[in-house]
Amino acid sequence: MYQRILVPVDGSATSDAGLAEATQLARVTGAQLRLLHVVDDMPMIMSGDTMGAMAGDVFDLLRKNGERVLQAACTRVKAAGIAVDTKLYDSFDGRLSDRVVQEVAEWPADLIVLGTHGRRGVGRMLLGSDAEQVLRTATVPVLLVRSGADTAVETAAQPSAARSP
């Protein structure tokens, strides 16, 4: 059964749904969690010179917010009696999906649990989907947890990954 579960978190309701599901799964399996947050500094990079001297301050605020997100999530998991650690990365290191796949190999995780908005159609095409990209490139099973009105849980595994009954 799963012993090392990687959970990307960003403080959103979607992310919180994934964290709650991962915490419940860890409680049942005795797994430990690694919480991962990637600081989304790409909007700052894309803005170019318009931000000027403020960029350093904004980067610091983004990192501090990431630290707060991780701390809050870590506190929730510890309160449930689950072993947990955290990792914080800048998006300079690549997209969230790239960092998740890299972290699976480095840690190594045997399951990824993440929240997804479940976007379809034009919204997904325009905004892209880190969850979909993780699903396509992950070498371990991925559990996608939908948020919002539709809280159904989808399980998806790579074709080569065997599922336990």
N, C-alpha and C. Protein backbone atom coordinates (compact mmCIF):
# COMPACT_ATOMS: atom_id res chain seq x y z
N MET A 1 0.85 -1.18 0.00
CA MET A 1 0.00 0.00 0.00
C MET A 1 0.89 1.23 0.00
N TYR A 2 0.30 2.35 -0.18
CA TYR A 2 1.03 3.61 -0.29
C TYR A 2 1.66 4.02 1.04
N GLN A 3 2.94 4.36 1.00
CA GLN A 3 3.66 4.75 2.20
C GLN A 3 4.21 6.17 2.13
N ARG A 4 4.39 6.70 0.90
CA ARG A 4 4.93 8.04 0.70
C ARG A 4 4.04 8.77 -0.30
N ILE A 5 3.28 9.73 0.21
CA ILE A 5 2.29 10.43 -0.61
C ILE A 5 2.71 11.88 -0.80
N LEU A 6 2.83 12.29 -2.04
CA LEU A 6 3.18 13.67 -2.38
C LEU A 6 1.90 14.46 -2.62
N VAL A 7 1.80 15.62 -1.97
CA VAL A 7 0.59 16.44 -2.06
C VAL A 7 0.96 17.89 -2.38
N PRO A 8 0.78 18.32 -3.63
CA PRO A 8 0.97 19.74 -3.95
C PRO A 8 -0.13 20.57 -3.29
N VAL A 9 0.24 21.69 -2.66
CA VAL A 9 -0.73 22.55 -2.00
C VAL A 9 -0.50 24.01 -2.40
N ASP A 10 -1.60 24.77 -2.49
CA ASP A 10 -1.49 26.20 -2.79
C ASP A 10 -2.42 27.05 -1.94
N GLY A 11 -3.11 26.42 -0.99
CA GLY A 11 -3.99 27.17 -0.10
C GLY A 11 -5.40 27.37 -0.62
N SER A 12 -5.68 26.92 -1.83
CA SER A 12 -7.02 27.07 -2.40
C SER A 12 -7.95 25.98 -1.88
N ALA A 13 -9.25 26.16 -2.09
CA ALA A 13 -10.23 25.15 -1.69
C ALA A 13 -9.97 23.84 -2.43
N THR A 14 -9.56 23.94 -3.67
CA THR A 14 -9.24 22.76 -4.47
C THR A 14 -8.08 22.00 -3.85
N SER A 15 -7.03 22.72 -3.52
CA SER A 15 -5.86 22.12 -2.88
C SER A 15 -6.21 21.52 -1.53
N ASP A 16 -7.04 22.21 -0.76
CA ASP A 16 -7.47 21.73 0.55
C ASP A 16 -8.24 20.41 0.44
N ALA A 17 -9.03 20.27 -0.62
CA ALA A 17 -9.76 19.01 -0.83
C ALA A 17 -8.78 17.87 -1.08
N GLY A 18 -7.76 18.13 -1.87
CA GLY A 18 -6.73 17.12 -2.11
C GLY A 18 -5.99 16.76 -0.83
N LEU A 19 -5.67 17.77 -0.04
CA LEU A 19 -4.96 17.54 1.23
C LEU A 19 -5.81 16.71 2.19
N ALA A 20 -7.09 17.01 2.27
CA ALA A 20 -7.99 16.26 3.15
C ALA A 20 -8.04 14.79 2.73
N GLU A 21 -8.14 14.54 1.45
CA GLU A 21 -8.18 13.17 0.96
C GLU A 21 -6.87 12.44 1.22
N ALA A 22 -5.75 13.12 1.00
CA ALA A 22 -4.44 12.52 1.26
C ALA A 22 -4.27 12.21 2.75
N THR A 23 -4.75 13.09 3.60
CA THR A 23 -4.65 12.88 5.04
C THR A 23 -5.46 11.66 5.46
N GLN A 24 -6.66 11.51 4.93
CA GLN A 24 -7.49 10.35 5.25
C GLN A 24 -6.81 9.06 4.76
N LEU A 25 -6.27 9.10 3.57
CA LEU A 25 -5.58 7.93 3.02
C LEU A 25 -4.36 7.58 3.85
N ALA A 26 -3.60 8.56 4.26
CA ALA A 26 -2.41 8.33 5.09
C ALA A 26 -2.79 7.74 6.44
N ARG A 27 -3.90 8.19 6.97
CA ARG A 27 -4.35 7.65 8.26
C ARG A 27 -4.65 6.15 8.14
N VAL A 28 -5.26 5.75 7.04
CA VAL A 28 -5.62 4.35 6.82
C VAL A 28 -4.40 3.49 6.52
N THR A 29 -3.46 4.02 5.74
CA THR A 29 -2.32 3.22 5.28
C THR A 29 -1.07 3.38 6.13
N GLY A 30 -1.06 4.36 7.03
CA GLY A 30 0.14 4.62 7.82
C GLY A 30 1.21 5.34 7.02
N ALA A 31 0.82 6.00 5.95
CA ALA A 31 1.76 6.69 5.07
C ALA A 31 2.23 8.01 5.68
N GLN A 32 3.32 8.52 5.15
CA GLN A 32 3.77 9.87 5.47
C GLN A 32 3.48 10.75 4.26
N LEU A 33 3.29 12.03 4.51
CA LEU A 33 3.00 12.98 3.45
C LEU A 33 4.18 13.92 3.25
N ARG A 34 4.38 14.31 2.01
CA ARG A 34 5.26 15.43 1.70
C ARG A 34 4.39 16.47 1.02
N LEU A 35 4.34 17.65 1.61
CA LEU A 35 3.58 18.76 1.05
C LEU A 35 4.52 19.60 0.20
N LEU A 36 4.08 19.91 -1.00
CA LEU A 36 4.90 20.64 -1.96
C LEU A 36 4.18 21.92 -2.37
N HIS A 37 4.90 23.04 -2.30
CA HIS A 37 4.35 24.31 -2.79
C HIS A 37 5.34 24.92 -3.76
N VAL A 38 4.82 25.32 -4.91
CA VAL A 38 5.65 26.00 -5.91
C VAL A 38 5.19 27.45 -5.97
N VAL A 39 6.11 28.37 -5.65
CA VAL A 39 5.80 29.80 -5.67
C VAL A 39 5.54 30.21 -7.11
N ASP A 40 4.37 30.76 -7.36
CA ASP A 40 3.99 31.16 -8.71
C ASP A 40 4.50 32.56 -8.99
N ASP A 41 5.76 32.64 -9.41
CA ASP A 41 6.34 33.96 -9.71
C ASP A 41 6.36 34.26 -11.21
N MET A 42 5.72 33.41 -12.00
CA MET A 42 5.69 33.64 -13.45
C MET A 42 4.99 34.94 -13.84
N PRO A 43 3.90 35.35 -13.18
CA PRO A 43 3.30 36.63 -13.55
C PRO A 43 4.29 37.79 -13.40
N MET A 44 5.16 37.71 -12.42
CA MET A 44 6.16 38.76 -12.23
C MET A 44 7.18 38.76 -13.37
N ILE A 45 7.57 37.58 -13.79
CA ILE A 45 8.54 37.47 -14.89
C ILE A 45 7.94 38.02 -16.16
N MET A 46 6.67 37.70 -16.41
CA MET A 46 6.00 38.12 -17.64
C MET A 46 5.76 39.63 -17.68
N SER A 47 5.72 40.27 -16.52
CA SER A 47 5.43 41.70 -16.50
C SER A 47 6.63 42.55 -16.92
N GLY A 48 7.81 41.95 -16.96
CA GLY A 48 8.99 42.65 -17.45
C GLY A 48 9.36 43.86 -16.63
N ASP A 49 9.65 44.97 -17.30
CA ASP A 49 10.13 46.17 -16.64
C ASP A 49 9.05 46.94 -15.88
N THR A 50 7.81 46.60 -16.09
CA THR A 50 6.75 47.40 -15.46
C THR A 50 6.78 47.34 -13.95
N MET A 51 7.34 46.28 -13.38
CA MET A 51 7.37 46.18 -11.93
C MET A 51 8.64 46.77 -11.34
N GLY A 52 9.70 46.80 -12.11
CA GLY A 52 10.94 47.43 -11.69
C GLY A 52 11.42 47.04 -10.32
N ALA A 53 11.63 48.03 -9.47
CA ALA A 53 12.23 47.83 -8.15
C ALA A 53 11.31 47.04 -7.21
N MET A 54 10.01 47.03 -7.49
CA MET A 54 9.09 46.32 -6.61
C MET A 54 9.21 44.81 -6.74
N ALA A 55 9.82 44.31 -7.81
CA ALA A 55 9.86 42.87 -8.07
C ALA A 55 10.45 42.10 -6.90
N GLY A 56 11.55 42.57 -6.33
CA GLY A 56 12.17 41.87 -5.20
C GLY A 56 11.24 41.76 -4.02
N ASP A 57 10.53 42.84 -3.71
CA ASP A 57 9.58 42.82 -2.60
C ASP A 57 8.44 41.85 -2.87
N VAL A 58 7.95 41.83 -4.10
CA VAL A 58 6.84 40.95 -4.46
C VAL A 58 7.28 39.49 -4.38
N PHE A 59 8.49 39.18 -4.87
CA PHE A 59 9.01 37.82 -4.76
C PHE A 59 9.06 37.38 -3.30
N ASP A 60 9.52 38.27 -2.42
CA ASP A 60 9.59 37.96 -0.99
C ASP A 60 8.19 37.68 -0.44
N LEU A 61 7.21 38.50 -0.83
CA LEU A 61 5.84 38.29 -0.37
C LEU A 61 5.29 36.96 -0.88
N LEU A 62 5.57 36.62 -2.13
CA LEU A 62 5.09 35.36 -2.69
C LEU A 62 5.70 34.17 -1.94
N ARG A 63 6.98 34.27 -1.63
CA ARG A 63 7.64 33.19 -0.89
C ARG A 63 7.08 33.08 0.53
N LYS A 64 6.88 34.22 1.19
CA LYS A 64 6.32 34.19 2.54
C LYS A 64 4.91 33.60 2.54
N ASN A 65 4.14 33.94 1.53
CA ASN A 65 2.80 33.37 1.41
C ASN A 65 2.90 31.86 1.22
N GLY A 66 3.83 31.42 0.40
CA GLY A 66 4.04 29.98 0.20
C GLY A 66 4.41 29.28 1.50
N GLU A 67 5.25 29.93 2.28
CA GLU A 67 5.63 29.37 3.58
C GLU A 67 4.42 29.26 4.51
N ARG A 68 3.55 30.28 4.47
CA ARG A 68 2.33 30.26 5.29
C ARG A 68 1.40 29.13 4.85
N VAL A 69 1.26 28.96 3.54
CA VAL A 69 0.41 27.89 3.00
C VAL A 69 0.93 26.54 3.49
N LEU A 70 2.24 26.34 3.36
CA LEU A 70 2.82 25.07 3.80
C LEU A 70 2.66 24.86 5.30
N GLN A 71 2.88 25.91 6.07
CA GLN A 71 2.76 25.79 7.53
C GLN A 71 1.33 25.45 7.94
N ALA A 72 0.36 26.11 7.34
CA ALA A 72 -1.04 25.83 7.67
C ALA A 72 -1.42 24.40 7.31
N ALA A 73 -0.99 23.95 6.14
CA ALA A 73 -1.29 22.58 5.70
C ALA A 73 -0.57 21.57 6.61
N CYS A 74 0.66 21.86 6.95
CA CYS A 74 1.45 20.98 7.81
C CYS A 74 0.79 20.85 9.19
N THR A 75 0.31 21.94 9.71
CA THR A 75 -0.37 21.94 11.01
C THR A 75 -1.60 21.04 10.98
N ARG A 76 -2.38 21.13 9.89
CA ARG A 76 -3.59 20.29 9.74
C ARG A 76 -3.22 18.81 9.74
N VAL A 77 -2.17 18.47 8.99
CA VAL A 77 -1.76 17.07 8.87
C VAL A 77 -1.23 16.55 10.20
N LYS A 78 -0.40 17.34 10.86
CA LYS A 78 0.14 16.93 12.17
C LYS A 78 -0.97 16.73 13.19
N ALA A 79 -2.01 17.58 13.14
CA ALA A 79 -3.14 17.46 14.05
C ALA A 79 -3.86 16.13 13.85
N ALA A 80 -3.76 15.56 12.66
CA ALA A 80 -4.38 14.27 12.37
C ALA A 80 -3.45 13.12 12.75
N GLY A 81 -2.26 13.44 13.26
CA GLY A 81 -1.34 12.42 13.70
C GLY A 81 -0.55 11.76 12.57
N ILE A 82 -0.39 12.46 11.46
CA ILE A 82 0.30 11.93 10.28
C ILE A 82 1.70 12.53 10.20
N ALA A 83 2.69 11.70 9.87
CA ALA A 83 4.05 12.19 9.64
C ALA A 83 4.05 13.03 8.36
N VAL A 84 4.70 14.20 8.42
CA VAL A 84 4.65 15.12 7.30
C VAL A 84 5.92 15.95 7.23
N ASP A 85 6.34 16.29 6.01
CA ASP A 85 7.37 17.30 5.81
C ASP A 85 6.98 18.16 4.63
N THR A 86 7.73 19.23 4.39
CA THR A 86 7.35 20.20 3.36
C THR A 86 8.53 20.55 2.47
N LYS A 87 8.21 20.99 1.26
CA LYS A 87 9.20 21.50 0.31
C LYS A 87 8.61 22.73 -0.37
N LEU A 88 9.43 23.77 -0.52
CA LEU A 88 9.03 25.01 -1.19
C LEU A 88 9.98 25.25 -2.35
N TYR A 89 9.44 25.50 -3.53
CA TYR A 89 10.24 25.77 -4.72
C TYR A 89 9.71 27.02 -5.43
N ASP A 90 10.58 27.67 -6.18
CA ASP A 90 10.18 28.77 -7.05
C ASP A 90 9.78 28.21 -8.40
N SER A 91 8.87 28.89 -9.08
CA SER A 91 8.46 28.40 -10.39
C SER A 91 9.54 28.64 -11.44
N PHE A 92 10.63 29.33 -11.06
CA PHE A 92 11.78 29.43 -11.96
C PHE A 92 12.28 28.03 -12.31
N ASP A 93 12.03 27.09 -11.38
CA ASP A 93 12.49 25.72 -11.57
C ASP A 93 11.62 24.96 -12.57
N GLY A 94 10.60 25.57 -13.11
CA GLY A 94 9.71 24.91 -14.07
C GLY A 94 8.27 24.98 -13.61
N ARG A 95 7.39 24.46 -14.44
CA ARG A 95 5.97 24.41 -14.12
C ARG A 95 5.73 23.53 -12.90
N LEU A 96 4.61 23.73 -12.27
CA LEU A 96 4.23 22.90 -11.13
C LEU A 96 4.28 21.42 -11.52
N SER A 97 3.72 21.09 -12.67
CA SER A 97 3.68 19.68 -13.08
C SER A 97 5.09 19.10 -13.22
N ASP A 98 6.02 19.88 -13.74
CA ASP A 98 7.41 19.42 -13.87
C ASP A 98 8.02 19.18 -12.50
N ARG A 99 7.78 20.10 -11.57
CA ARG A 99 8.36 19.99 -10.23
C ARG A 99 7.78 18.79 -9.48
N VAL A 100 6.48 18.53 -9.67
CA VAL A 100 5.84 17.39 -9.01
C VAL A 100 6.47 16.09 -9.48
N VAL A 101 6.62 15.95 -10.79
CA VAL A 101 7.20 14.73 -11.34
C VAL A 101 8.65 14.56 -10.88
N GLN A 102 9.39 15.66 -10.81
CA GLN A 102 10.77 15.62 -10.33
C GLN A 102 10.82 15.20 -8.85
N GLU A 103 9.92 15.74 -8.07
CA GLU A 103 9.89 15.44 -6.63
C GLU A 103 9.55 13.97 -6.39
N VAL A 104 8.69 13.39 -7.22
CA VAL A 104 8.35 11.97 -7.10
C VAL A 104 9.62 11.13 -7.20
N ALA A 105 10.49 11.47 -8.13
CA ALA A 105 11.72 10.72 -8.33
C ALA A 105 12.73 10.98 -7.20
N GLU A 106 12.83 12.21 -6.74
CA GLU A 106 13.83 12.57 -5.74
C GLU A 106 13.48 12.08 -4.34
N TRP A 107 12.20 12.05 -3.99
CA TRP A 107 11.84 11.77 -2.61
C TRP A 107 11.98 10.31 -2.24
N PRO A 108 11.55 9.29 -2.81
CA PRO A 108 10.57 9.04 -3.88
C PRO A 108 9.17 8.75 -3.33
N ALA A 109 8.18 9.28 -3.99
CA ALA A 109 6.78 9.07 -3.61
C ALA A 109 6.24 7.85 -4.35
N ASP A 110 5.21 7.23 -3.77
CA ASP A 110 4.56 6.15 -4.49
C ASP A 110 3.10 6.48 -4.83
N LEU A 111 2.68 7.72 -4.53
CA LEU A 111 1.36 8.21 -4.92
C LEU A 111 1.38 9.74 -4.90
N ILE A 112 0.67 10.34 -5.84
CA ILE A 112 0.47 11.79 -5.87
C ILE A 112 -1.02 12.03 -5.64
N VAL A 113 -1.35 12.94 -4.73
CA VAL A 113 -2.75 13.33 -4.52
C VAL A 113 -2.83 14.83 -4.74
N LEU A 114 -3.69 15.25 -5.66
CA LEU A 114 -3.84 16.70 -5.86
C LEU A 114 -5.25 17.06 -6.25
N GLY A 115 -5.62 18.26 -5.84
CA GLY A 115 -6.93 18.79 -6.18
C GLY A 115 -6.93 19.27 -7.61
N THR A 116 -8.11 19.18 -8.23
CA THR A 116 -8.27 19.67 -9.59
C THR A 116 -9.59 20.42 -9.70
N HIS A 117 -9.60 21.43 -10.55
CA HIS A 117 -10.82 22.20 -10.78
C HIS A 117 -11.79 21.45 -11.67
N GLY A 118 -11.30 20.46 -12.41
CA GLY A 118 -12.17 19.70 -13.31
C GLY A 118 -12.65 20.54 -14.48
N ARG A 119 -11.83 21.50 -14.92
CA ARG A 119 -12.22 22.34 -16.06
C ARG A 119 -12.36 21.51 -17.32
N ARG A 120 -13.27 21.95 -18.16
CA ARG A 120 -13.48 21.29 -19.44
C ARG A 120 -13.54 22.35 -20.52
N GLY A 121 -13.45 21.91 -21.75
CA GLY A 121 -13.66 22.77 -22.90
C GLY A 121 -12.68 23.92 -22.99
N VAL A 122 -13.20 25.11 -23.31
CA VAL A 122 -12.38 26.28 -23.56
C VAL A 122 -11.58 26.69 -22.32
N GLY A 123 -12.18 26.60 -21.14
CA GLY A 123 -11.48 26.96 -19.92
C GLY A 123 -10.21 26.15 -19.73
N ARG A 124 -10.30 24.85 -19.99
CA ARG A 124 -9.11 24.01 -19.85
C ARG A 124 -8.11 24.31 -20.95
N MET A 125 -8.61 24.54 -22.17
CA MET A 125 -7.73 24.81 -23.30
C MET A 125 -6.95 26.11 -23.08
N LEU A 126 -7.61 27.15 -22.58
CA LEU A 126 -6.97 28.44 -22.39
C LEU A 126 -6.06 28.47 -21.16
N LEU A 127 -6.50 27.86 -20.07
CA LEU A 127 -5.76 27.93 -18.82
C LEU A 127 -4.76 26.79 -18.65
N GLY A 128 -4.95 25.71 -19.40
CA GLY A 128 -4.07 24.57 -19.22
C GLY A 128 -4.42 23.86 -17.92
N SER A 129 -3.81 22.74 -17.71
CA SER A 129 -4.11 21.99 -16.50
C SER A 129 -2.86 21.32 -15.99
N ASP A 130 -2.36 21.80 -14.86
CA ASP A 130 -1.22 21.15 -14.24
C ASP A 130 -1.59 19.74 -13.81
N ALA A 131 -2.81 19.55 -13.33
CA ALA A 131 -3.24 18.21 -12.91
C ALA A 131 -3.20 17.25 -14.09
N GLU A 132 -3.68 17.69 -15.23
CA GLU A 132 -3.66 16.83 -16.42
C GLU A 132 -2.22 16.52 -16.83
N GLN A 133 -1.35 17.50 -16.76
CA GLN A 133 0.05 17.28 -17.13
C GLN A 133 0.73 16.32 -16.16
N VAL A 134 0.43 16.44 -14.87
CA VAL A 134 0.97 15.50 -13.88
C VAL A 134 0.47 14.10 -14.21
N LEU A 135 -0.80 13.99 -14.49
CA LEU A 135 -1.40 12.70 -14.81
C LEU A 135 -0.72 12.05 -16.02
N ARG A 136 -0.42 12.85 -17.02
CA ARG A 136 0.20 12.33 -18.25
C ARG A 136 1.65 11.91 -18.05
N THR A 137 2.37 12.58 -17.16
CA THR A 137 3.82 12.36 -17.06
C THR A 137 4.28 11.62 -15.81
N ALA A 138 3.40 11.44 -14.84
CA ALA A 138 3.79 10.80 -13.58
C ALA A 138 4.12 9.33 -13.79
N THR A 139 5.08 8.86 -13.01
CA THR A 139 5.49 7.47 -13.07
C THR A 139 4.86 6.65 -11.94
N VAL A 140 4.05 7.30 -11.12
CA VAL A 140 3.35 6.63 -10.02
C VAL A 140 1.86 6.95 -10.15
N PRO A 141 1.00 6.21 -9.46
CA PRO A 141 -0.43 6.51 -9.50
C PRO A 141 -0.73 7.94 -9.04
N VAL A 142 -1.80 8.49 -9.60
CA VAL A 142 -2.23 9.86 -9.29
C VAL A 142 -3.69 9.81 -8.87
N LEU A 143 -3.99 10.42 -7.74
CA LEU A 143 -5.36 10.54 -7.27
C LEU A 143 -5.77 12.00 -7.44
N LEU A 144 -6.76 12.25 -8.31
CA LEU A 144 -7.27 13.60 -8.53
C LEU A 144 -8.53 13.79 -7.71
N VAL A 145 -8.58 14.89 -6.97
CA VAL A 145 -9.73 15.18 -6.11
C VAL A 145 -10.37 16.46 -6.60
N ARG A 146 -11.62 16.36 -6.98
CA ARG A 146 -12.33 17.56 -7.46
C ARG A 146 -12.85 18.36 -6.29
N SER A 147 -12.92 19.67 -6.52
CA SER A 147 -13.44 20.55 -5.47
C SER A 147 -14.74 21.17 -5.95
N GLY A 148 -15.31 22.00 -5.10
CA GLY A 148 -16.52 22.72 -5.47
C GLY A 148 -17.75 21.85 -5.27
N ALA A 149 -18.78 22.12 -6.08
CA ALA A 149 -20.04 21.41 -5.95
C ALA A 149 -19.87 19.92 -6.24
N ASP A 150 -19.00 19.61 -7.20
CA ASP A 150 -18.75 18.22 -7.55
C ASP A 150 -17.52 17.75 -6.79
N THR A 151 -17.72 17.06 -5.69
CA THR A 151 -16.60 16.61 -4.88
C THR A 151 -16.27 15.14 -5.11
N ALA A 152 -16.70 14.62 -6.26
CA ALA A 152 -16.38 13.23 -6.58
C ALA A 152 -14.88 13.06 -6.70
N VAL A 153 -14.42 11.90 -6.35
CA VAL A 153 -12.99 11.60 -6.41
C VAL A 153 -12.74 10.72 -7.62
N GLU A 154 -11.74 11.09 -8.41
CA GLU A 154 -11.33 10.28 -9.55
C GLU A 154 -10.00 9.66 -9.22
N THR A 155 -9.83 8.41 -9.57
CA THR A 155 -8.53 7.78 -9.43
C THR A 155 -8.03 7.48 -10.82
N ALA A 156 -6.81 7.85 -11.07
CA ALA A 156 -6.20 7.56 -12.37
C ALA A 156 -4.80 7.06 -12.13
N ALA A 157 -4.44 6.01 -12.80
CA ALA A 157 -3.10 5.47 -12.65
C ALA A 157 -2.50 5.33 -14.04
N GLN A 158 -1.20 5.38 -14.09
CA GLN A 158 -0.51 5.14 -15.34
C GLN A 158 -0.79 3.71 -15.77
N PRO A 159 -0.85 3.45 -17.07
CA PRO A 159 -1.17 2.10 -17.53
C PRO A 159 -0.23 1.03 -16.95
N SER A 160 1.01 1.36 -16.72
CA SER A 160 1.95 0.37 -16.22
C SER A 160 1.87 0.17 -14.72
N ALA A 161 1.15 1.04 -14.02
CA ALA A 161 1.06 0.94 -12.56
C ALA A 161 -0.07 -0.01 -12.19
N ALA A 162 0.22 -0.94 -11.33
CA ALA A 162 -0.81 -1.89 -10.89
C ALA A 162 -1.60 -1.28 -9.75
N ARG A 163 -2.90 -1.51 -9.76
CA ARG A 163 -3.75 -1.04 -8.67
C ARG A 163 -3.96 -2.15 -7.68
N SER A 164 -4.00 -1.80 -6.43
CA SER A 164 -4.32 -2.77 -5.39
C SER A 164 -5.82 -2.96 -5.33
N PRO A 165 -6.29 -4.14 -5.03
CA PRO A 165 -7.75 -4.36 -4.96
C PRO A 165 -8.38 -3.62 -3.82
